[in-house]
C-alpha atoms as a PDB file:
ATOM      1  CA  MET A   1       0.116  -0.045   0.113  1.00  0.00           C
ATOM      2  CA  LEU A   2       1.472   3.504  -0.856  1.00  0.00           C
ATOM      3  CA  ASP A   3       2.202   5.972   1.752  1.00  0.00           C
ATOM      4  CA  GLY A   4       0.945   9.588   1.653  1.00  0.00           C
ATOM      5  CA  ASP A   5       4.462  10.834   0.246  1.00  0.00           C
ATOM      6  CA  ALA A   6       3.836   8.252  -2.670  1.00  0.00           C
ATOM      7  CA  HIS A   7       0.578   9.241  -3.393  1.00  0.00           C
ATOM      8  CA  ALA A   8       1.425  12.692  -3.570  1.00  0.00           C
ATOM      9  CA  ALA A   9       4.365  11.768  -5.886  1.00  0.00           C
ATOM     10  CA  ARG A  10       2.268   9.744  -8.146  1.00  0.00           C
ATOM     11  CA  ILE A  11      -0.155  13.079  -8.530  1.00  0.00           C
ATOM     12  CA  ALA A  12       2.687  15.189  -9.060  1.00  0.00           C
ATOM     13  CA  GLN A  13       3.966  12.646 -11.983  1.00  0.00           C
ATOM     14  CA  ASP A  14       0.893  11.104 -13.681  1.00  0.00           C
ATOM     15  CA  GLY A  15      -1.974  13.903 -12.729  1.00  0.00           C
ATOM     16  CA  TYR A  16      -3.625  11.315 -10.636  1.00  0.00           C
ATOM     17  CA  THR A  17      -3.630   8.423  -7.773  1.00  0.00           C
ATOM     18  CA  ILE A  18      -6.093   5.723  -6.380  1.00  0.00           C
ATOM     19  CA  LEU A  19      -6.593   5.262  -2.840  1.00  0.00           C
ATOM     20  CA  GLU A  20      -8.002   1.481  -2.915  1.00  0.00           C
ATOM     21  CA  GLY A  21     -10.222   0.789   0.065  1.00  0.00           C
ATOM     22  CA  ALA A  22     -10.054   4.158   1.674  1.00  0.00           C
ATOM     23  CA  ILE A  23     -13.468   4.354   2.592  1.00  0.00           C
ATOM     24  CA  GLU A  24     -14.825   2.262   5.232  1.00  0.00           C
ATOM     25  CA  PRO A  25     -17.707  -0.509   3.956  1.00  0.00           C
ATOM     26  CA  ALA A  26     -20.168   0.710   6.371  1.00  0.00           C
ATOM     27  CA  PHE A  27     -19.782   4.646   5.508  1.00  0.00           C
ATOM     28  CA  VAL A  28     -20.121   3.576   1.855  1.00  0.00           C
ATOM     29  CA  ASP A  29     -23.127   1.814   2.742  1.00  0.00           C
ATOM     30  CA  ALA A  30     -24.966   4.559   4.513  1.00  0.00           C
ATOM     31  CA  LEU A  31     -23.709   7.157   1.539  1.00  0.00           C
ATOM     32  CA  ALA A  32     -25.241   4.794  -1.285  1.00  0.00           C
ATOM     33  CA  ALA A  33     -28.496   4.424   0.843  1.00  0.00           C
ATOM     34  CA  ASP A  34     -28.908   8.165   1.401  1.00  0.00           C
ATOM     35  CA  LEU A  35     -28.156   8.937  -2.340  1.00  0.00           C
ATOM     36  CA  ALA A  36     -30.797   6.423  -3.457  1.00  0.00           C
ATOM     37  CA  ARG A  37     -33.348   8.124  -0.656  1.00  0.00           C
ATOM     38  CA  LEU A  38     -32.441  11.866  -2.234  1.00  0.00           C
ATOM     39  CA  GLU A  39     -32.722  10.511  -5.923  1.00  0.00           C
ATOM     40  CA  ARG A  40     -36.234   9.533  -5.102  1.00  0.00           C
ATOM     41  CA  GLU A  41     -37.382  12.275  -3.085  1.00  0.00           C
ATOM     42  CA  LEU A  42     -36.372  14.908  -5.115  1.00  0.00           C
ATOM     43  CA  ALA A  43     -37.328  13.215  -8.321  1.00  0.00           C
ATOM     44  CA  VAL A  44     -33.702  13.653  -9.502  1.00  0.00           C
ATOM     45  CA  VAL A  45     -33.804  13.399 -13.539  1.00  0.00           C
ATOM     46  CA  PRO A  46     -30.938  13.480 -16.258  1.00  0.00           C
ATOM     47  CA  ALA A  47     -30.017  16.723 -17.213  1.00  0.00           C
ATOM     48  CA  HIS A  48     -30.030  16.062 -21.261  1.00  0.00           C
ATOM     49  CA  ASN A  49     -26.688  17.649 -22.174  1.00  0.00           C
ATOM     50  CA  ASP A  50     -23.575  15.771 -23.320  1.00  0.00           C
ATOM     51  CA  PHE A  51     -21.349  16.967 -20.354  1.00  0.00           C
ATOM     52  CA  GLU A  52     -23.668  16.159 -17.458  1.00  0.00           C
ATOM     53  CA  GLY A  53     -24.953  13.131 -19.272  1.00  0.00           C
ATOM     54  CA  ARG A  54     -28.333  12.052 -20.793  1.00  0.00           C
ATOM     55  CA  HIS A  55     -28.660   8.827 -18.488  1.00  0.00           C
ATOM     56  CA  THR A  56     -26.844  10.277 -15.604  1.00  0.00           C
ATOM     57  CA  LEU A  57     -28.415  11.665 -12.114  1.00  0.00           C
ATOM     58  CA  ARG A  58     -26.647  14.245 -10.291  1.00  0.00           C
ATOM     59  CA  ILE A  59     -27.517  15.972  -7.006  1.00  0.00           C
ATOM     60  CA  TYR A  60     -25.611  18.993  -6.247  1.00  0.00           C
ATOM     61  CA  ASN A  61     -24.499  21.100  -3.121  1.00  0.00           C
ATOM     62  CA  LEU A  62     -25.023  17.601  -0.850  1.00  0.00           C
ATOM     63  CA  LEU A  63     -23.953  19.634   2.226  1.00  0.00           C
ATOM     64  CA  VAL A  64     -27.418  20.671   2.750  1.00  0.00           C
ATOM     65  CA  HIS A  65     -28.858  17.007   3.071  1.00  0.00           C
ATOM     66  CA  GLY A  66     -27.746  15.518   6.342  1.00  0.00           C
ATOM     67  CA  PRO A  67     -24.763  14.773   8.505  1.00  0.00           C
ATOM     68  CA  ALA A  68     -23.750  12.162   6.508  1.00  0.00           C
ATOM     69  CA  TRP A  69     -22.714  14.332   3.997  1.00  0.00           C
ATOM     70  CA  GLU A  70     -20.371  16.573   6.306  1.00  0.00           C
ATOM     71  CA  ARG A  71     -18.313  13.643   6.864  1.00  0.00           C
ATOM     72  CA  VAL A  72     -17.058  13.301   3.171  1.00  0.00           C
ATOM     73  CA  PRO A  73     -15.059  16.461   2.747  1.00  0.00           C
ATOM     74  CA  VAL A  74     -13.047  15.899   5.926  1.00  0.00           C
ATOM     75  CA  HIS A  75     -12.559  12.141   5.665  1.00  0.00           C
ATOM     76  CA  ALA A  76      -9.023  11.474   7.362  1.00  0.00           C
ATOM     77  CA  GLU A  77      -8.023   9.155   4.321  1.00  0.00           C
ATOM     78  CA  VAL A  78      -8.386  11.805   1.805  1.00  0.00           C
ATOM     79  CA  LEU A  79      -8.464  15.362   2.834  1.00  0.00           C
ATOM     80  CA  PRO A  80      -4.633  14.614   4.229  1.00  0.00           C
ATOM     81  CA  LEU A  81      -3.566  13.924   0.684  1.00  0.00           C
ATOM     82  CA  VAL A  82      -5.585  16.998  -0.903  1.00  0.00           C
ATOM     83  CA  GLU A  83      -4.046  19.352   1.477  1.00  0.00           C
ATOM     84  CA  ARG A  84      -0.573  18.306   0.140  1.00  0.00           C
ATOM     85  CA  VAL A  85      -1.458  18.841  -3.639  1.00  0.00           C
ATOM     86  CA  LEU A  86      -3.141  22.466  -2.476  1.00  0.00           C
ATOM     87  CA  ASP A  87      -2.229  23.342   1.122  1.00  0.00           C
ATOM     88  CA  PRO A  88      -4.320  23.457   4.339  1.00  0.00           C
ATOM     89  CA  GLY A  89      -5.995  26.530   3.451  1.00  0.00           C
ATOM     90  CA  CYS A  90      -8.156  24.718   0.622  1.00  0.00           C
ATOM     91  CA  LEU A  91     -11.501  25.007   0.012  1.00  0.00           C
ATOM     92  CA  VAL A  92     -14.738  22.752  -0.667  1.00  0.00           C
ATOM     93  CA  SER A  93     -15.349  23.763  -4.212  1.00  0.00           C
ATOM     94  CA  SER A  94     -18.518  21.080  -4.981  1.00  0.00           C
ATOM     95  CA  LEU A  95     -19.765  18.318  -3.488  1.00  0.00           C
ATOM     96  CA  SER A  96     -22.205  16.348  -5.636  1.00  0.00           C
ATOM     97  CA  SER A  97     -23.233  12.638  -6.956  1.00  0.00           C
ATOM     98  CA  ILE A  98     -22.805  11.315 -10.304  1.00  0.00           C
ATOM     99  CA  ASP A  99     -24.968   8.213 -10.974  1.00  0.00           C
ATOM    100  CA  ILE A 100     -24.130   6.797 -14.243  1.00  0.00           C
ATOM    101  CA  GLY A 101     -26.981   4.843 -15.895  1.00  0.00           C
ATOM    102  CA  PRO A 102     -26.911   2.319 -18.596  1.00  0.00           C
ATOM    103  CA  GLU A 103     -26.558   3.524 -22.044  1.00  0.00           C
ATOM    104  CA  GLU A 104     -24.689   6.513 -21.199  1.00  0.00           C
ATOM    105  CA  THR A 105     -22.054   7.737 -23.428  1.00  0.00           C
ATOM    106  CA  ALA A 106     -18.691   8.830 -22.516  1.00  0.00           C
ATOM    107  CA  GLN A 107     -18.270  12.644 -21.269  1.00  0.00           C
ATOM    108  CA  PRO A 108     -16.059  14.844 -23.451  1.00  0.00           C
ATOM    109  CA  ILE A 109     -12.575  14.668 -22.220  1.00  0.00           C
ATOM    110  CA  HIS A 110     -11.817  17.984 -20.288  1.00  0.00           C
ATOM    111  CA  ALA A 111      -9.678  19.641 -17.600  1.00  0.00           C
ATOM    112  CA  ASP A 112     -11.635  20.965 -14.409  1.00  0.00           C
ATOM    113  CA  ASP A 113      -9.429  24.021 -14.270  1.00  0.00           C
ATOM    114  CA  GLN A 114      -9.560  24.944 -18.092  1.00  0.00           C
ATOM    115  CA  LEU A 115     -11.795  27.937 -17.582  1.00  0.00           C
ATOM    116  CA  MET A 116      -9.185  29.650 -15.419  1.00  0.00           C
ATOM    117  CA  PRO A 117      -7.260  32.287 -17.605  1.00  0.00           C
ATOM    118  CA  ILE A 118      -3.838  31.410 -16.642  1.00  0.00           C
ATOM    119  CA  ALA A 119      -0.920  29.681 -18.476  1.00  0.00           C
ATOM    120  CA  LYS A 120      -0.195  25.986 -18.141  1.00  0.00           C
ATOM    121  CA  PRO A 121       1.366  24.296 -16.504  1.00  0.00           C
ATOM    122  CA  HIS A 122       0.877  25.736 -13.378  1.00  0.00           C
ATOM    123  CA  VAL A 123       0.481  25.222  -9.451  1.00  0.00           C
ATOM    124  CA  ALA A 124      -2.442  23.244  -8.683  1.00  0.00           C
ATOM    125  CA  THR A 125      -5.454  25.355  -8.194  1.00  0.00           C
ATOM    126  CA  VAL A 126      -7.902  22.355  -8.132  1.00  0.00           C
ATOM    127  CA  CYS A 127      -7.711  18.961  -6.839  1.00  0.00           C
ATOM    128  CA  ASN A 128     -10.700  16.648  -7.144  1.00  0.00           C
ATOM    129  CA  THR A 129     -11.877  13.353  -5.646  1.00  0.00           C
ATOM    130  CA  MET A 130     -14.308  10.624  -6.945  1.00  0.00           C
ATOM    131  CA  TRP A 131     -15.517   8.369  -4.283  1.00  0.00           C
ATOM    132  CA  ALA A 132     -16.611   4.999  -5.594  1.00  0.00           C
ATOM    133  CA  LEU A 133     -20.005   3.893  -4.061  1.00  0.00           C
ATOM    134  CA  THR A 134     -19.945   0.891  -6.795  1.00  0.00           C
ATOM    135  CA  ASP A 135     -17.210  -0.770  -8.404  1.00  0.00           C
ATOM    136  CA  PHE A 136     -15.652   1.169 -11.395  1.00  0.00           C
ATOM    137  CA  THR A 137     -15.157  -0.792 -14.179  1.00  0.00           C
ATOM    138  CA  GLU A 138     -14.051   0.140 -17.938  1.00  0.00           C
ATOM    139  CA  ALA A 139     -17.537  -1.444 -18.941  1.00  0.00           C
ATOM    140  CA  ASN A 140     -19.695   0.560 -16.518  1.00  0.00           C
ATOM    141  CA  GLY A 141     -18.215   3.925 -17.200  1.00  0.00           C
ATOM    142  CA  ALA A 142     -14.923   4.245 -15.086  1.00  0.00           C
ATOM    143  CA  THR A 143     -13.453   7.811 -15.346  1.00  0.00           C
ATOM    144  CA  ARG A 144     -11.257   7.994 -18.164  1.00  0.00           C
ATOM    145  CA  ILE A 145      -7.948   9.504 -17.962  1.00  0.00           C
ATOM    146  CA  ILE A 146      -4.814  10.679 -19.755  1.00  0.00           C
ATOM    147  CA  PRO A 147      -1.706  10.106 -17.383  1.00  0.00           C
ATOM    148  CA  GLY A 148       0.447  12.998 -17.458  1.00  0.00           C
ATOM    149  CA  SER A 149      -1.726  15.387 -19.318  1.00  0.00           C
ATOM    150  CA  HIS A 150      -1.935  17.829 -16.287  1.00  0.00           C
ATOM    151  CA  LEU A 151       1.776  18.921 -17.613  1.00  0.00           C
ATOM    152  CA  ARG A 152       0.669  19.753 -20.718  1.00  0.00           C
ATOM    153  CA  ASP A 153       0.697  23.587 -22.024  1.00  0.00           C
ATOM    154  CA  HIS A 154      -3.071  23.515 -22.921  1.00  0.00           C
ATOM    155  CA  SER A 155      -6.317  22.223 -22.232  1.00  0.00           C
ATOM    156  CA  PRO A 156      -7.856  19.668 -24.353  1.00  0.00           C
ATOM    157  CA  VAL A 157     -10.558  20.884 -27.348  1.00  0.00           C
ATOM    158  CA  TYR A 158     -13.919  20.006 -26.235  1.00  0.00           C
ATOM    159  CA  GLY A 159     -15.335  17.261 -27.924  1.00  0.00           C
ATOM    160  CA  ARG A 160     -12.526  16.224 -29.765  1.00  0.00           C
ATOM    161  CA  HIS A 161     -11.433  12.363 -29.289  1.00  0.00           C
ATOM    162  CA  TYR A 162      -8.093  11.811 -26.836  1.00  0.00           C
ATOM    163  CA  ASP A 163      -6.952   7.947 -26.097  1.00  0.00           C
ATOM    164  CA  SER A 164      -7.722   7.556 -22.563  1.00  0.00           C
ATOM    165  CA  VAL A 165      -7.504   4.655 -20.073  1.00  0.00           C
ATOM    166  CA  PRO A 166     -10.154   3.681 -17.512  1.00  0.00           C
ATOM    167  CA  ALA A 167      -9.381   4.495 -13.663  1.00  0.00           C
ATOM    168  CA  ALA A 168     -10.631   1.031 -12.635  1.00  0.00           C
ATOM    169  CA  MET A 169     -11.101   0.945  -8.780  1.00  0.00           C
ATOM    170  CA  PRO A 170     -13.364  -1.389  -6.476  1.00  0.00           C
ATOM    171  CA  ARG A 171     -16.264   0.090  -4.169  1.00  0.00           C
ATOM    172  CA  GLY A 172     -14.710   1.913  -1.561  1.00  0.00           C
ATOM    173  CA  SER A 173     -11.820   3.403  -3.185  1.00  0.00           C
ATOM    174  CA  VAL A 174     -11.326   7.099  -4.271  1.00  0.00           C
ATOM    175  CA  LEU A 175      -9.697   8.548  -7.181  1.00  0.00           C
ATOM    176  CA  VAL A 176      -7.717  11.869  -6.575  1.00  0.00           C
ATOM    177  CA  TRP A 177      -6.555  14.170  -9.424  1.00  0.00           C
ATOM    178  CA  HIS A 178      -4.636  17.310 -10.133  1.00  0.00           C
ATOM    179  CA  GLY A 179      -7.423  19.917 -11.678  1.00  0.00           C
ATOM    180  CA  SER A 180      -5.553  20.269 -14.845  1.00  0.00           C
ATOM    181  CA  LEU A 181      -5.538  16.224 -15.794  1.00  0.00           C
ATOM    182  CA  TRP A 182      -7.498  15.544 -18.928  1.00  0.00           C
ATOM    183  CA  HIS A 183     -10.581  13.148 -17.956  1.00  0.00           C
ATOM    184  CA  GLY A 184     -14.128  12.439 -18.371  1.00  0.00           C
ATOM    185  CA  GLY A 185     -16.546   9.915 -17.345  1.00  0.00           C
ATOM    186  CA  GLY A 186     -16.941   6.690 -19.549  1.00  0.00           C
ATOM    187  CA  ALA A 187     -19.403   5.097 -21.164  1.00  0.00           C
ATOM    188  CA  ASN A 188     -21.785   2.766 -19.433  1.00  0.00           C
ATOM    189  CA  ARG A 189     -22.186  -0.367 -21.551  1.00  0.00           C
ATOM    190  CA  THR A 190     -23.490  -2.486 -18.771  1.00  0.00           C
ATOM    191  CA  GLY A 191     -27.197  -2.834 -17.216  1.00  0.00           C
ATOM    192  CA  ASP A 192     -25.681  -1.621 -13.955  1.00  0.00           C
ATOM    193  CA  ARG A 193     -25.477   1.955 -12.452  1.00  0.00           C
ATOM    194  CA  ARG A 194     -22.034   3.417 -11.816  1.00  0.00           C
ATOM    195  CA  VAL A 195     -22.528   5.721  -8.620  1.00  0.00           C
ATOM    196  CA  GLY A 196     -19.854   8.133  -7.662  1.00  0.00           C
ATOM    197  CA  ILE A 197     -19.442  11.023  -5.302  1.00  0.00           C
ATOM    198  CA  ALA A 198     -17.604  14.112  -6.438  1.00  0.00           C
ATOM    199  CA  MET A 199     -15.634  15.899  -3.434  1.00  0.00           C
ATOM    200  CA  ASN A 200     -14.032  18.514  -5.254  1.00  0.00           C
ATOM    201  CA  TYR A 201     -11.688  20.911  -3.865  1.00  0.00           C
ATOM    202  CA  CYS A 202     -10.064  24.278  -4.795  1.00  0.00           C
ATOM    203  CA  ALA A 203      -7.184  26.411  -3.467  1.00  0.00           C
ATOM    204  CA  GLY A 204      -8.242  29.043  -0.969  1.00  0.00           C
ATOM    205  CA  TRP A 205      -7.370  31.830  -3.204  1.00  0.00           C
ATOM    206  CA  ILE A 206      -9.561  30.307  -5.990  1.00  0.00           C
ATOM    207  CA  ARG A 207     -13.529  31.142  -6.173  1.00  0.00           C
ATOM    208  CA  GLN A 208     -15.355  27.677  -5.597  1.00  0.00           C
ATOM    209  CA  GLN A 209     -17.360  25.985  -8.325  1.00  0.00           C
ATOM    210  CA  GLU A 210     -20.361  25.875  -6.057  1.00  0.00           C
ATOM    211  CA  ASN A 211     -21.084  28.763  -4.051  1.00  0.00           C
ATOM    212  CA  GLN A 212     -20.810  27.352  -0.486  1.00  0.00           C
ATOM    213  CA  GLN A 213     -21.790  30.678   1.558  1.00  0.00           C
ATOM    214  CA  LEU A 214     -24.764  31.299  -0.266  1.00  0.00           C
ATOM    215  CA  GLY A 215     -25.967  27.662  -0.927  1.00  0.00           C
ATOM    216  CA  ILE A 216     -25.536  26.456   2.604  1.00  0.00           C
ATOM    217  CA  PRO A 217     -27.737  28.166   5.055  1.00  0.00           C
ATOM    218  CA  ARG A 218     -26.061  29.604   8.013  1.00  0.00           C
ATOM    219  CA  GLU A 219     -27.982  27.575  10.307  1.00  0.00           C
ATOM    220  CA  VAL A 220     -26.736  24.561   8.708  1.00  0.00           C
ATOM    221  CA  VAL A 221     -22.916  25.881   8.845  1.00  0.00           C
ATOM    222  CA  ARG A 222     -23.492  26.174  12.580  1.00  0.00           C
ATOM    223  CA  ARG A 223     -23.577  22.530  13.067  1.00  0.00           C
ATOM    224  CA  PHE A 224     -20.659  22.067  11.223  1.00  0.00           C
ATOM    225  CA  ALA A 225     -17.435  20.775  12.807  1.00  0.00           C
ATOM    226  CA  PRO A 226     -14.704  23.717  12.718  1.00  0.00           C
ATOM    227  CA  ARG A 227     -12.688  22.124   9.868  1.00  0.00           C
ATOM    228  CA  LEU A 228     -15.517  21.857   7.652  1.00  0.00           C
ATOM    229  CA  ARG A 229     -16.699  25.459   8.393  1.00  0.00           C
ATOM    230  CA  GLU A 230     -13.152  26.469   7.520  1.00  0.00           C
ATOM    231  CA  LEU A 231     -13.503  24.208   4.080  1.00  0.00           C
ATOM    232  CA  VAL A 232     -16.714  25.802   3.049  1.00  0.00           C
ATOM    233  CA  GLY A 233     -15.274  29.433   3.263  1.00  0.00           C
ATOM    234  CA  TYR A 234     -15.789  30.283   7.073  1.00  0.00           C
ATOM    235  CA  GLY A 235     -12.337  31.451   7.209  1.00  0.00           C
ATOM    236  CA  VAL A 236      -9.228  33.293   5.824  1.00  0.00           C
ATOM    237  CA  TYR A 237      -6.645  32.271   3.654  1.00  0.00           C
ATOM    238  CA  GLY A 238      -3.137  33.587   4.629  1.00  0.00           C
ATOM    239  CA  GLY A 239      -4.748  35.747   6.964  1.00  0.00           C
ATOM    240  CA  LEU A 240      -6.039  38.221   4.455  1.00  0.00           C
ATOM    241  CA  ILE A 241      -8.136  36.380   1.819  1.00  0.00           C
ATOM    242  CA  GLY A 242     -11.719  36.290   2.400  1.00  0.00           C
ATOM    243  CA  HIS A 243     -11.953  38.688   5.314  1.00  0.00           C
ATOM    244  CA  ILE A 244     -15.057  40.870   5.970  1.00  0.00           C
ATOM    245  CA  ASP A 245     -13.951  44.332   7.194  1.00  0.00           C
ATOM    246  CA  LYS A 246     -10.709  42.691   8.721  1.00  0.00           C
ATOM    247  CA  ARG A 247     -12.958  40.480  10.664  1.00  0.00           C
ATOM    248  CA  SER A 248     -13.215  36.539   9.735  1.00  0.00           C
ATOM    249  CA  PRO A 249     -16.140  35.415   8.490  1.00  0.00           C
ATOM    250  CA  VAL A 250     -16.700  32.743  11.293  1.00  0.00           C
ATOM    251  CA  GLU A 251     -17.702  35.832  13.255  1.00  0.00           C
ATOM    252  CA  LEU A 252     -21.031  35.657  11.694  1.00  0.00           C
ATOM    253  CA  LEU A 253     -21.724  32.399  13.043  1.00  0.00           C
ATOM    254  CA  GLY A 254     -21.158  33.832  16.537  1.00  0.00           C
ATOM    255  CA  GLU A 255     -17.479  32.134  16.989  1.00  0.00           C
ATOM    256  CA  ALA A 256     -14.782  34.100  18.305  1.00  0.00           C
ATOM    257  CA  PRO A 257     -12.257  35.433  15.843  1.00  0.00           C
ATOM    258  CA  PRO A 258      -8.932  33.766  15.257  1.00  0.00           C
ATOM    259  CA  SER A 259      -5.754  35.148  16.073  1.00  0.00           C
ATOM    260  CA  ASN A 260      -3.945  34.523  12.717  1.00  0.00           C
ATOM    261  CA  MET A 261      -5.255  37.584  10.678  1.00  0.00           C
ATOM    262  CA  ILE A 262      -2.100  39.027   8.793  1.00  0.00           C
ATOM    263  CA  TRP A 263      -2.720  42.450  10.300  1.00  0.00           C
ATOM    264  CA  ASP A 264      -2.042  40.842  14.067  1.00  0.00           C
ATOM    265  CA  TYR A 265       1.448  40.285  13.132  1.00  0.00           C
ATOM    266  CA  GLY A 266       2.506  43.680  11.374  1.00  0.00           C
ATOM    267  CA  THR A 267       3.225  43.527   7.646  1.00  0.00           C
ATOM    268  CA  GLY A 268       5.474  46.980   7.472  1.00  0.00           C
ATOM    269  CA  ARG A 269       5.093  49.513   4.822  1.00  0.00           C
END
């Protein structure tokens, strides 16, 4: 089994790594059951576009849907590796489900950071993860990846064919990748669903994909553990970025302000 250093080195070299069996089976069962409940209760239907899929069910903003989902961003087997790719000031960018049904076609190859107008290759601004709630196989739509593509000086052309390989992994495993890696969901040629959780992170100085501060009611955030509050944006990056009139947004939750604001140390002039 690879250690944290080896997984981080693999992401630096290949753009991705797989944490096999990282999620305890009971937690995988709980997430799968709750996701099935949400799909029924919310009457989720496919989005009917090529990117999200015409036979794929997706639920966004999962942090508003109960305590089980609050355990996902802070999981001890995943978050430390993400912090190595980004840094401890990283943020939750998006937490959503991707339930690929039979007859789904392959998603266009893309990079998760390709909308950002900065030259490539660059330091990681995004680090994303895919949790396997079912086995991921080439036949059922395992995420397709192009190893090493995070080091290229450009992003893929949307809709163009690129040779790729499947990130096959057993249930309970987690695929972790650099946001510049070229990848896409695979085609499902089986009669079963391929179910995953997309737990995506970004650097603390990058805008989140889903607006966590507006999307999650403040009364919900108050019940979050302190680390999760930071991850959804109730903190200040580097003692400066994200402050409100020189105060940490955590004060909006009735919490004591931190003592690590940049002006507390004196910055000179």
